[in-house]
Amino acid sequence: LGLDSFALISMLLEIEDGFGVEIPNYVLPNFQTLKDLYSY
């Protein structure tokens, strides 16, 4: 998908707002695929 670290962090902030969840920074390396992110 070509997400660099800045785009990934920006996207995660939007996901937090859109889904009403909090995603701590320490779990970011766990998100390799869309499925990983969706599972979280």
PDB file of all heavy atoms in Angstrom:
ATOM      1  N   LEU A   1       0.816  -1.216   0.000  1.00  0.00           N
ATOM      2  CA  LEU A   1       0.000   0.000   0.000  1.00  0.00           C
ATOM      3  C   LEU A   1       0.850   1.266   0.000  1.00  0.00           C
ATOM      4  O   LEU A   1       0.361   2.341  -0.313  1.00  0.00           O
ATOM      5  CB  LEU A   1      -0.955   0.005   1.198  1.00  0.00           C
ATOM      6  CG  LEU A   1      -2.074  -1.028   1.121  1.00  0.00           C
ATOM      7  CD1 LEU A   1      -2.855  -1.069   2.426  1.00  0.00           C
ATOM      8  CD2 LEU A   1      -3.011  -0.722  -0.039  1.00  0.00           C
ATOM      9  N   GLY A   2       2.119   1.143   0.360  1.00  0.00           N
ATOM     10  CA  GLY A   2       3.036   2.276   0.290  1.00  0.00           C
ATOM     11  C   GLY A   2       2.892   3.294   1.402  1.00  0.00           C
ATOM     12  O   GLY A   2       3.264   4.450   1.237  1.00  0.00           O
ATOM     13  N   LEU A   3       2.381   2.878   2.547  1.00  0.00           N
ATOM     14  CA  LEU A   3       2.246   3.803   3.677  1.00  0.00           C
ATOM     15  C   LEU A   3       3.595   3.986   4.377  1.00  0.00           C
ATOM     16  O   LEU A   3       4.174   3.018   4.860  1.00  0.00           O
ATOM     17  CB  LEU A   3       1.221   3.285   4.679  1.00  0.00           C
ATOM     18  CG  LEU A   3      -0.227   3.294   4.221  1.00  0.00           C
ATOM     19  CD1 LEU A   3      -1.087   2.461   5.157  1.00  0.00           C
ATOM     20  CD2 LEU A   3      -0.753   4.706   4.141  1.00  0.00           C
ATOM     21  N   ASP A   4       4.093   5.209   4.401  1.00  0.00           N
ATOM     22  CA  ASP A   4       5.303   5.466   5.172  1.00  0.00           C
ATOM     23  C   ASP A   4       4.911   5.700   6.629  1.00  0.00           C
ATOM     24  O   ASP A   4       3.730   5.701   6.971  1.00  0.00           O
ATOM     25  CB  ASP A   4       6.095   6.640   4.603  1.00  0.00           C
ATOM     26  CG  ASP A   4       5.329   7.953   4.609  1.00  0.00           C
ATOM     27  OD1 ASP A   4       4.327   8.079   5.341  1.00  0.00           O
ATOM     28  OD2 ASP A   4       5.738   8.876   3.883  1.00  0.00           O
ATOM     29  N   SER A   5       5.895   5.893   7.484  1.00  0.00           N
ATOM     30  CA  SER A   5       5.592   5.988   8.918  1.00  0.00           C
ATOM     31  C   SER A   5       4.712   7.201   9.235  1.00  0.00           C
ATOM     32  O   SER A   5       3.828   7.114  10.075  1.00  0.00           O
ATOM     33  CB  SER A   5       6.878   6.027   9.741  1.00  0.00           C
ATOM     34  OG  SER A   5       7.690   7.107   9.343  1.00  0.00           O
ATOM     35  N   PHE A   6       4.927   8.328   8.552  1.00  0.00           N
ATOM     36  CA  PHE A   6       4.101   9.507   8.803  1.00  0.00           C
ATOM     37  C   PHE A   6       2.652   9.257   8.383  1.00  0.00           C
ATOM     38  O   PHE A   6       1.713   9.564   9.128  1.00  0.00           O
ATOM     39  CB  PHE A   6       4.660  10.721   8.051  1.00  0.00           C
ATOM     40  CG  PHE A   6       3.833  11.956   8.265  1.00  0.00           C
ATOM     41  CD1 PHE A   6       3.880  12.648   9.467  1.00  0.00           C
ATOM     42  CD2 PHE A   6       2.985  12.418   7.270  1.00  0.00           C
ATOM     43  CE1 PHE A   6       3.114  13.780   9.668  1.00  0.00           C
ATOM     44  CE2 PHE A   6       2.210  13.541   7.461  1.00  0.00           C
ATOM     45  CZ  PHE A   6       2.271  14.231   8.663  1.00  0.00           C
ATOM     46  N   ALA A   7       2.454   8.684   7.204  1.00  0.00           N
ATOM     47  CA  ALA A   7       1.097   8.390   6.721  1.00  0.00           C
ATOM     48  C   ALA A   7       0.424   7.366   7.623  1.00  0.00           C
ATOM     49  O   ALA A   7      -0.773   7.484   7.910  1.00  0.00           O
ATOM     50  CB  ALA A   7       1.137   7.889   5.284  1.00  0.00           C
ATOM     51  N   LEU A   8       1.170   6.375   8.076  1.00  0.00           N
ATOM     52  CA  LEU A   8       0.602   5.350   8.947  1.00  0.00           C
ATOM     53  C   LEU A   8       0.116   5.951  10.264  1.00  0.00           C
ATOM     54  O   LEU A   8      -0.991   5.663  10.714  1.00  0.00           O
ATOM     55  CB  LEU A   8       1.623   4.245   9.211  1.00  0.00           C
ATOM     56  CG  LEU A   8       1.158   3.062  10.042  1.00  0.00           C
ATOM     57  CD1 LEU A   8      -0.023   2.356   9.384  1.00  0.00           C
ATOM     58  CD2 LEU A   8       2.289   2.072  10.263  1.00  0.00           C
ATOM     59  N   ILE A   9       0.903   6.825  10.852  1.00  0.00           N
ATOM     60  CA  ILE A   9       0.501   7.448  12.114  1.00  0.00           C
ATOM     61  C   ILE A   9      -0.715   8.348  11.905  1.00  0.00           C
ATOM     62  O   ILE A   9      -1.669   8.321  12.686  1.00  0.00           O
ATOM     63  CB  ILE A   9       1.679   8.214  12.745  1.00  0.00           C
ATOM     64  CG1 ILE A   9       2.713   7.209  13.248  1.00  0.00           C
ATOM     65  CG2 ILE A   9       1.210   9.113  13.889  1.00  0.00           C
ATOM     66  CD1 ILE A   9       4.011   7.805  13.696  1.00  0.00           C
ATOM     67  N   SER A  10      -0.716   9.118  10.832  1.00  0.00           N
ATOM     68  CA  SER A  10      -1.869   9.976  10.529  1.00  0.00           C
ATOM     69  C   SER A  10      -3.125   9.147  10.324  1.00  0.00           C
ATOM     70  O   SER A  10      -4.202   9.485  10.815  1.00  0.00           O
ATOM     71  CB  SER A  10      -1.596  10.814   9.282  1.00  0.00           C
ATOM     72  OG  SER A  10      -0.524  11.678   9.483  1.00  0.00           O
ATOM     73  N   MET A  11      -2.972   8.043   9.590  1.00  0.00           N
ATOM     74  CA  MET A  11      -4.099   7.158   9.329  1.00  0.00           C
ATOM     75  C   MET A  11      -4.612   6.541  10.633  1.00  0.00           C
ATOM     76  O   MET A  11      -5.820   6.463  10.850  1.00  0.00           O
ATOM     77  CB  MET A  11      -3.696   6.059   8.351  1.00  0.00           C
ATOM     78  CG  MET A  11      -4.835   5.126   7.983  1.00  0.00           C
ATOM     79  SD  MET A  11      -4.281   3.745   6.981  1.00  0.00           S
ATOM     80  CE  MET A  11      -3.423   2.772   8.198  1.00  0.00           C
ATOM     81  N   LEU A  12      -3.704   6.135  11.506  1.00  0.00           N
ATOM     82  CA  LEU A  12      -4.118   5.532  12.768  1.00  0.00           C
ATOM     83  C   LEU A  12      -4.875   6.525  13.641  1.00  0.00           C
ATOM     84  O   LEU A  12      -5.815   6.143  14.340  1.00  0.00           O
ATOM     85  CB  LEU A  12      -2.914   4.952  13.508  1.00  0.00           C
ATOM     86  CG  LEU A  12      -2.306   3.704  12.869  1.00  0.00           C
ATOM     87  CD1 LEU A  12      -1.044   3.282  13.617  1.00  0.00           C
ATOM     88  CD2 LEU A  12      -3.299   2.566  12.812  1.00  0.00           C
ATOM     89  N   LEU A  13      -4.493   7.789  13.596  1.00  0.00           N
ATOM     90  CA  LEU A  13      -5.238   8.805  14.346  1.00  0.00           C
ATOM     91  C   LEU A  13      -6.662   8.923  13.809  1.00  0.00           C
ATOM     92  O   LEU A  13      -7.616   9.039  14.578  1.00  0.00           O
ATOM     93  CB  LEU A  13      -4.525  10.155  14.269  1.00  0.00           C
ATOM     94  CG  LEU A  13      -3.208  10.246  15.026  1.00  0.00           C
ATOM     95  CD1 LEU A  13      -2.512  11.572  14.723  1.00  0.00           C
ATOM     96  CD2 LEU A  13      -3.422  10.077  16.511  1.00  0.00           C
ATOM     97  N   GLU A  14      -6.809   8.863  12.499  1.00  0.00           N
ATOM     98  CA  GLU A  14      -8.148   8.911  11.904  1.00  0.00           C
ATOM     99  C   GLU A  14      -8.950   7.662  12.254  1.00  0.00           C
ATOM    100  O   GLU A  14     -10.154   7.729  12.515  1.00  0.00           O
ATOM    101  CB  GLU A  14      -8.046   9.066  10.391  1.00  0.00           C
ATOM    102  CG  GLU A  14      -9.384   9.276   9.725  1.00  0.00           C
ATOM    103  CD  GLU A  14      -9.287   9.583   8.250  1.00  0.00           C
ATOM    104  OE1 GLU A  14      -8.213   9.973   7.754  1.00  0.00           O
ATOM    105  OE2 GLU A  14     -10.329   9.433   7.579  1.00  0.00           O
ATOM    106  N   ILE A  15      -8.295   6.512  12.295  1.00  0.00           N
ATOM    107  CA  ILE A  15      -8.959   5.258  12.668  1.00  0.00           C
ATOM    108  C   ILE A  15      -9.418   5.336  14.126  1.00  0.00           C
ATOM    109  O   ILE A  15     -10.529   4.920  14.454  1.00  0.00           O
ATOM    110  CB  ILE A  15      -8.022   4.056  12.437  1.00  0.00           C
ATOM    111  CG1 ILE A  15      -7.861   3.824  10.937  1.00  0.00           C
ATOM    112  CG2 ILE A  15      -8.555   2.793  13.122  1.00  0.00           C
ATOM    113  CD1 ILE A  15      -6.764   2.843  10.568  1.00  0.00           C
ATOM    114  N   GLU A  16      -8.567   5.872  15.004  1.00  0.00           N
ATOM    115  CA  GLU A  16      -8.959   6.030  16.405  1.00  0.00           C
ATOM    116  C   GLU A  16     -10.227   6.866  16.520  1.00  0.00           C
ATOM    117  O   GLU A  16     -11.153   6.512  17.254  1.00  0.00           O
ATOM    118  CB  GLU A  16      -7.829   6.680  17.200  1.00  0.00           C
ATOM    119  CG  GLU A  16      -6.669   5.772  17.488  1.00  0.00           C
ATOM    120  CD  GLU A  16      -5.566   6.457  18.274  1.00  0.00           C
ATOM    121  OE1 GLU A  16      -5.395   7.691  18.165  1.00  0.00           O
ATOM    122  OE2 GLU A  16      -4.863   5.748  19.009  1.00  0.00           O
ATOM    123  N   ASP A  17     -10.268   7.971  15.807  1.00  0.00           N
ATOM    124  CA  ASP A  17     -11.458   8.839  15.844  1.00  0.00           C
ATOM    125  C   ASP A  17     -12.673   8.151  15.227  1.00  0.00           C
ATOM    126  O   ASP A  17     -13.772   8.212  15.772  1.00  0.00           O
ATOM    127  CB  ASP A  17     -11.194  10.148  15.090  1.00  0.00           C
ATOM    128  CG  ASP A  17     -10.228  11.064  15.812  1.00  0.00           C
ATOM    129  OD1 ASP A  17     -10.020  10.876  17.030  1.00  0.00           O
ATOM    130  OD2 ASP A  17      -9.676  11.962  15.149  1.00  0.00           O
ATOM    131  N   GLY A  18     -12.471   7.482  14.102  1.00  0.00           N
ATOM    132  CA  GLY A  18     -13.579   6.859  13.385  1.00  0.00           C
ATOM    133  C   GLY A  18     -14.177   5.651  14.074  1.00  0.00           C
ATOM    134  O   GLY A  18     -15.371   5.380  13.944  1.00  0.00           O
ATOM    135  N   PHE A  19     -13.339   4.913  14.809  1.00  0.00           N
ATOM    136  CA  PHE A  19     -13.805   3.690  15.454  1.00  0.00           C
ATOM    137  C   PHE A  19     -13.939   3.832  16.968  1.00  0.00           C
ATOM    138  O   PHE A  19     -14.364   2.897  17.644  1.00  0.00           O
ATOM    139  CB  PHE A  19     -12.863   2.521  15.134  1.00  0.00           C
ATOM    140  CG  PHE A  19     -12.997   2.004  13.731  1.00  0.00           C
ATOM    141  CD1 PHE A  19     -12.229   2.525  12.701  1.00  0.00           C
ATOM    142  CD2 PHE A  19     -13.897   0.996  13.434  1.00  0.00           C
ATOM    143  CE1 PHE A  19     -12.347   2.054  11.417  1.00  0.00           C
ATOM    144  CE2 PHE A  19     -14.025   0.514  12.142  1.00  0.00           C
ATOM    145  CZ  PHE A  19     -13.250   1.048  11.127  1.00  0.00           C
ATOM    146  N   GLY A  20     -13.520   4.973  17.511  1.00  0.00           N
ATOM    147  CA  GLY A  20     -13.622   5.174  18.952  1.00  0.00           C
ATOM    148  C   GLY A  20     -12.719   4.262  19.759  1.00  0.00           C
ATOM    149  O   GLY A  20     -13.101   3.790  20.825  1.00  0.00           O
ATOM    150  N   VAL A  21     -11.520   3.999  19.232  1.00  0.00           N
ATOM    151  CA  VAL A  21     -10.545   3.154  19.926  1.00  0.00           C
ATOM    152  C   VAL A  21      -9.270   3.949  20.158  1.00  0.00           C
ATOM    153  O   VAL A  21      -9.044   4.973  19.521  1.00  0.00           O
ATOM    154  CB  VAL A  21     -10.208   1.870  19.124  1.00  0.00           C
ATOM    155  CG1 VAL A  21     -11.421   0.994  18.948  1.00  0.00           C
ATOM    156  CG2 VAL A  21      -9.588   2.209  17.790  1.00  0.00           C
ATOM    157  N   GLU A  22      -8.446   3.454  21.055  1.00  0.00           N
ATOM    158  CA  GLU A  22      -7.132   4.042  21.259  1.00  0.00           C
ATOM    159  C   GLU A  22      -6.085   3.010  20.878  1.00  0.00           C
ATOM    160  O   GLU A  22      -6.136   1.861  21.336  1.00  0.00           O
ATOM    161  CB  GLU A  22      -6.940   4.462  22.710  1.00  0.00           C
ATOM    162  CG  GLU A  22      -5.653   5.211  22.932  1.00  0.00           C
ATOM    163  CD  GLU A  22      -5.544   5.768  24.332  1.00  0.00           C
ATOM    164  OE1 GLU A  22      -6.577   6.122  24.919  1.00  0.00           O
ATOM    165  OE2 GLU A  22      -4.404   5.853  24.824  1.00  0.00           O
ATOM    166  N   ILE A  23      -5.159   3.422  20.032  1.00  0.00           N
ATOM    167  CA  ILE A  23      -4.107   2.517  19.575  1.00  0.00           C
ATOM    168  C   ILE A  23      -2.775   3.045  20.113  1.00  0.00           C
ATOM    169  O   ILE A  23      -2.262   4.048  19.621  1.00  0.00           O
ATOM    170  CB  ILE A  23      -4.077   2.440  18.029  1.00  0.00           C
ATOM    171  CG1 ILE A  23      -5.437   1.996  17.498  1.00  0.00           C
ATOM    172  CG2 ILE A  23      -2.963   1.502  17.575  1.00  0.00           C
ATOM    173  CD1 ILE A  23      -5.583   2.079  15.987  1.00  0.00           C
ATOM    174  N   PRO A  24      -2.217   2.388  21.132  1.00  0.00           N
ATOM    175  CA  PRO A  24      -0.947   2.849  21.701  1.00  0.00           C
ATOM    176  C   PRO A  24       0.203   2.669  20.710  1.00  0.00           C
ATOM    177  O   PRO A  24       0.196   1.747  19.879  1.00  0.00           O
ATOM    178  CB  PRO A  24      -0.746   1.967  22.927  1.00  0.00           C
ATOM    179  CG  PRO A  24      -1.875   1.016  22.978  1.00  0.00           C
ATOM    180  CD  PRO A  24      -2.760   1.248  21.810  1.00  0.00           C
ATOM    181  N   ASN A  25       1.189   3.547  20.791  1.00  0.00           N
ATOM    182  CA  ASN A  25       2.326   3.507  19.867  1.00  0.00           C
ATOM    183  C   ASN A  25       3.089   2.189  19.906  1.00  0.00           C
ATOM    184  O   ASN A  25       3.613   1.754  18.888  1.00  0.00           O
ATOM    185  CB  ASN A  25       3.286   4.664  20.153  1.00  0.00           C
ATOM    186  CG  ASN A  25       2.710   5.991  19.747  1.00  0.00           C
ATOM    187  OD1 ASN A  25       1.793   6.056  18.928  1.00  0.00           O
ATOM    188  ND2 ASN A  25       3.235   7.059  20.313  1.00  0.00           N
ATOM    189  N   TYR A  26       3.143   1.556  21.057  1.00  0.00           N
ATOM    190  CA  TYR A  26       3.936   0.329  21.163  1.00  0.00           C
ATOM    191  C   TYR A  26       3.357  -0.844  20.359  1.00  0.00           C
ATOM    192  O   TYR A  26       4.055  -1.823  20.109  1.00  0.00           O
ATOM    193  CB  TYR A  26       4.160  -0.082  22.620  1.00  0.00           C
ATOM    194  CG  TYR A  26       2.920  -0.539  23.357  1.00  0.00           C
ATOM    195  CD1 TYR A  26       2.507  -1.859  23.308  1.00  0.00           C
ATOM    196  CD2 TYR A  26       2.180   0.368  24.112  1.00  0.00           C
ATOM    197  CE1 TYR A  26       1.363  -2.275  23.986  1.00  0.00           C
ATOM    198  CE2 TYR A  26       1.048  -0.051  24.789  1.00  0.00           C
ATOM    199  CZ  TYR A  26       0.646  -1.357  24.725  1.00  0.00           C
ATOM    200  OH  TYR A  26      -0.494  -1.763  25.396  1.00  0.00           O
ATOM    201  N   VAL A  27       2.099  -0.763  19.925  1.00  0.00           N
ATOM    202  CA  VAL A  27       1.536  -1.849  19.128  1.00  0.00           C
ATOM    203  C   VAL A  27       1.686  -1.611  17.622  1.00  0.00           C
ATOM    204  O   VAL A  27       1.392  -2.492  16.828  1.00  0.00           O
ATOM    205  CB  VAL A  27       0.046  -2.127  19.466  1.00  0.00           C
ATOM    206  CG1 VAL A  27      -0.118  -2.542  20.897  1.00  0.00           C
ATOM    207  CG2 VAL A  27      -0.833  -0.972  19.115  1.00  0.00           C
ATOM    208  N   LEU A  28       2.164  -0.440  17.222  1.00  0.00           N
ATOM    209  CA  LEU A  28       2.301  -0.135  15.794  1.00  0.00           C
ATOM    210  C   LEU A  28       3.109  -1.173  15.014  1.00  0.00           C
ATOM    211  O   LEU A  28       2.720  -1.538  13.907  1.00  0.00           O
ATOM    212  CB  LEU A  28       2.903   1.261  15.595  1.00  0.00           C
ATOM    213  CG  LEU A  28       2.055   2.432  16.070  1.00  0.00           C
ATOM    214  CD1 LEU A  28       2.777   3.747  15.793  1.00  0.00           C
ATOM    215  CD2 LEU A  28       0.696   2.434  15.423  1.00  0.00           C
ATOM    216  N   PRO A  29       4.230  -1.676  15.547  1.00  0.00           N
ATOM    217  CA  PRO A  29       4.981  -2.682  14.786  1.00  0.00           C
ATOM    218  C   PRO A  29       4.200  -3.978  14.530  1.00  0.00           C
ATOM    219  O   PRO A  29       4.560  -4.750  13.651  1.00  0.00           O
ATOM    220  CB  PRO A  29       6.207  -2.960  15.661  1.00  0.00           C
ATOM    221  CG  PRO A  29       6.345  -1.748  16.512  1.00  0.00           C
ATOM    222  CD  PRO A  29       4.945  -1.257  16.738  1.00  0.00           C
ATOM    223  N   ASN A  30       3.126  -4.210  15.264  1.00  0.00           N
ATOM    224  CA  ASN A  30       2.319  -5.416  15.074  1.00  0.00           C
ATOM    225  C   ASN A  30       1.449  -5.339  13.824  1.00  0.00           C
ATOM    226  O   ASN A  30       0.929  -6.352  13.380  1.00  0.00           O
ATOM    227  CB  ASN A  30       1.411  -5.655  16.286  1.00  0.00           C
ATOM    228  CG  ASN A  30       2.188  -5.907  17.545  1.00  0.00           C
ATOM    229  OD1 ASN A  30       3.316  -6.390  17.515  1.00  0.00           O
ATOM    230  ND2 ASN A  30       1.601  -5.557  18.671  1.00  0.00           N
ATOM    231  N   PHE A  31       1.262  -4.162  13.270  1.00  0.00           N
ATOM    232  CA  PHE A  31       0.380  -3.978  12.121  1.00  0.00           C
ATOM    233  C   PHE A  31       1.168  -4.097  10.821  1.00  0.00           C
ATOM    234  O   PHE A  31       1.695  -3.120  10.314  1.00  0.00           O
ATOM    235  CB  PHE A  31      -0.331  -2.626  12.175  1.00  0.00           C
ATOM    236  CG  PHE A  31      -1.140  -2.402  13.411  1.00  0.00           C
ATOM    237  CD1 PHE A  31      -1.148  -1.171  14.033  1.00  0.00           C
ATOM    238  CD2 PHE A  31      -1.904  -3.422  13.966  1.00  0.00           C
ATOM    239  CE1 PHE A  31      -1.897  -0.946  15.175  1.00  0.00           C
ATOM    240  CE2 PHE A  31      -2.656  -3.210  15.109  1.00  0.00           C
ATOM    241  CZ  PHE A  31      -2.649  -1.968  15.712  1.00  0.00           C
ATOM    242  N   GLN A  32       1.239  -5.308  10.305  1.00  0.00           N
ATOM    243  CA  GLN A  32       1.922  -5.535   9.035  1.00  0.00           C
ATOM    244  C   GLN A  32       0.941  -5.534   7.862  1.00  0.00           C
ATOM    245  O   GLN A  32       1.286  -5.115   6.764  1.00  0.00           O
ATOM    246  CB  GLN A  32       2.683  -6.863   9.075  1.00  0.00           C
ATOM    247  CG  GLN A  32       3.741  -6.928  10.151  1.00  0.00           C
ATOM    248  CD  GLN A  32       4.787  -5.843  10.005  1.00  0.00           C
ATOM    249  OE1 GLN A  32       5.297  -5.630   8.918  1.00  0.00           O
ATOM    250  NE2 GLN A  32       5.086  -5.149  11.090  1.00  0.00           N
ATOM    251  N   THR A  33      -0.283  -6.012   8.118  1.00  0.00           N
ATOM    252  CA  THR A  33      -1.293  -6.110   7.067  1.00  0.00           C
ATOM    253  C   THR A  33      -2.585  -5.436   7.518  1.00  0.00           C
ATOM    254  O   THR A  33      -2.765  -5.138   8.696  1.00  0.00           O
ATOM    255  CB  THR A  33      -1.613  -7.578   6.719  1.00  0.00           C
ATOM    256  OG1 THR A  33      -2.231  -8.187   7.848  1.00  0.00           O
ATOM    257  CG2 THR A  33      -0.371  -8.348   6.309  1.00  0.00           C
ATOM    258  N   LEU A  34      -3.471  -5.238   6.581  1.00  0.00           N
ATOM    259  CA  LEU A  34      -4.786  -4.688   6.899  1.00  0.00           C
ATOM    260  C   LEU A  34      -5.516  -5.609   7.869  1.00  0.00           C
ATOM    261  O   LEU A  34      -6.187  -5.151   8.794  1.00  0.00           O
ATOM    262  CB  LEU A  34      -5.598  -4.514   5.615  1.00  0.00           C
ATOM    263  CG  LEU A  34      -7.021  -4.047   5.756  1.00  0.00           C
ATOM    264  CD1 LEU A  34      -7.084  -2.680   6.417  1.00  0.00           C
ATOM    265  CD2 LEU A  34      -7.705  -4.001   4.411  1.00  0.00           C
ATOM    266  N   LYS A  35      -5.359  -6.907   7.697  1.00  0.00           N
ATOM    267  CA  LYS A  35      -6.004  -7.877   8.578  1.00  0.00           C
ATOM    268  C   LYS A  35      -5.522  -7.715  10.026  1.00  0.00           C
ATOM    269  O   LYS A  35      -6.327  -7.801  10.955  1.00  0.00           O
ATOM    270  CB  LYS A  35      -5.716  -9.288   8.076  1.00  0.00           C
ATOM    271  CG  LYS A  35      -6.414 -10.382   8.838  1.00  0.00           C
ATOM    272  CD  LYS A  35      -6.099 -11.731   8.226  1.00  0.00           C
ATOM    273  CE  LYS A  35      -6.766 -12.841   8.986  1.00  0.00           C
ATOM    274  NZ  LYS A  35      -6.422 -14.150   8.413  1.00  0.00           N
ATOM    275  N   ASP A  36      -4.232  -7.454  10.217  1.00  0.00           N
ATOM    276  CA  ASP A  36      -3.684  -7.230  11.557  1.00  0.00           C
ATOM    277  C   ASP A  36      -4.358  -6.024  12.218  1.00  0.00           C
ATOM    278  O   ASP A  36      -4.756  -6.076  13.376  1.00  0.00           O
ATOM    279  CB  ASP A  36      -2.177  -6.966  11.508  1.00  0.00           C
ATOM    280  CG  ASP A  36      -1.368  -8.133  11.015  1.00  0.00           C
ATOM    281  OD1 ASP A  36      -1.843  -9.280  11.107  1.00  0.00           O
ATOM    282  OD2 ASP A  36      -0.246  -7.886  10.528  1.00  0.00           O
ATOM    283  N   LEU A  37      -4.483  -4.967  11.457  1.00  0.00           N
ATOM    284  CA  LEU A  37      -5.094  -3.754  11.965  1.00  0.00           C
ATOM    285  C   LEU A  37      -6.556  -3.962  12.279  1.00  0.00           C
ATOM    286  O   LEU A  37      -7.053  -3.581  13.335  1.00  0.00           O
ATOM    287  CB  LEU A  37      -4.923  -2.631  10.935  1.00  0.00           C
ATOM    288  CG  LEU A  37      -5.392  -1.240  11.290  1.00  0.00           C
ATOM    289  CD1 LEU A  37      -4.744  -0.763  12.585  1.00  0.00           C
ATOM    290  CD2 LEU A  37      -5.068  -0.295  10.147  1.00  0.00           C
ATOM    291  N   TYR A  38      -7.264  -4.630  11.391  1.00  0.00           N
ATOM    292  CA  TYR A  38      -8.693  -4.901  11.591  1.00  0.00           C
ATOM    293  C   TYR A  38      -8.917  -5.784  12.807  1.00  0.00           C
ATOM    294  O   TYR A  38      -9.845  -5.560  13.584  1.00  0.00           O
ATOM    295  CB  TYR A  38      -9.287  -5.543  10.340  1.00  0.00           C
ATOM    296  CG  TYR A  38     -10.777  -5.717  10.416  1.00  0.00           C
ATOM    297  CD1 TYR A  38     -11.614  -4.630  10.261  1.00  0.00           C
ATOM    298  CD2 TYR A  38     -11.336  -6.971  10.638  1.00  0.00           C
ATOM    299  CE1 TYR A  38     -12.996  -4.771  10.350  1.00  0.00           C
ATOM    300  CE2 TYR A  38     -12.708  -7.121  10.717  1.00  0.00           C
ATOM    301  CZ  TYR A  38     -13.541  -6.035  10.576  1.00  0.00           C
ATOM    302  OH  TYR A  38     -14.888  -6.171  10.656  1.00  0.00           O
ATOM    303  N   SER A  39      -8.065  -6.776  13.006  1.00  0.00           N
ATOM    304  CA  SER A  39      -8.181  -7.666  14.157  1.00  0.00           C
ATOM    305  C   SER A  39      -8.014  -6.910  15.467  1.00  0.00           C
ATOM    306  O   SER A  39      -8.680  -7.207  16.456  1.00  0.00           O
ATOM    307  CB  SER A  39      -7.143  -8.778  14.088  1.00  0.00           C
ATOM    308  OG  SER A  39      -7.405  -9.628  13.002  1.00  0.00           O
ATOM    309  N   TYR A  40      -7.130  -5.920  15.481  1.00  0.00           N
ATOM    310  CA  TYR A  40      -6.910  -5.132  16.688  1.00  0.00           C
ATOM    311  C   TYR A  40      -8.133  -4.286  17.030  1.00  0.00           C
ATOM    312  O   TYR A  40      -8.523  -4.191  18.186  1.00  0.00           O
ATOM    313  CB  TYR A  40      -5.680  -4.237  16.544  1.00  0.00           C
ATOM    314  CG  TYR A  40      -5.354  -3.478  17.802  1.00  0.00           C
ATOM    315  CD1 TYR A  40      -4.583  -4.069  18.799  1.00  0.00           C
ATOM    316  CD2 TYR A  40      -5.856  -2.201  18.021  1.00  0.00           C
ATOM    317  CE1 TYR A  40      -4.306  -3.395  19.972  1.00  0.00           C
ATOM    318  CE2 TYR A  40      -5.577  -1.518  19.203  1.00  0.00           C
ATOM    319  CZ  TYR A  40      -4.798  -2.119  20.166  1.00  0.00           C
ATOM    320  OH  TYR A  40      -4.542  -1.446  21.330  1.00  0.00           O
TER     321      TYR A  40
END
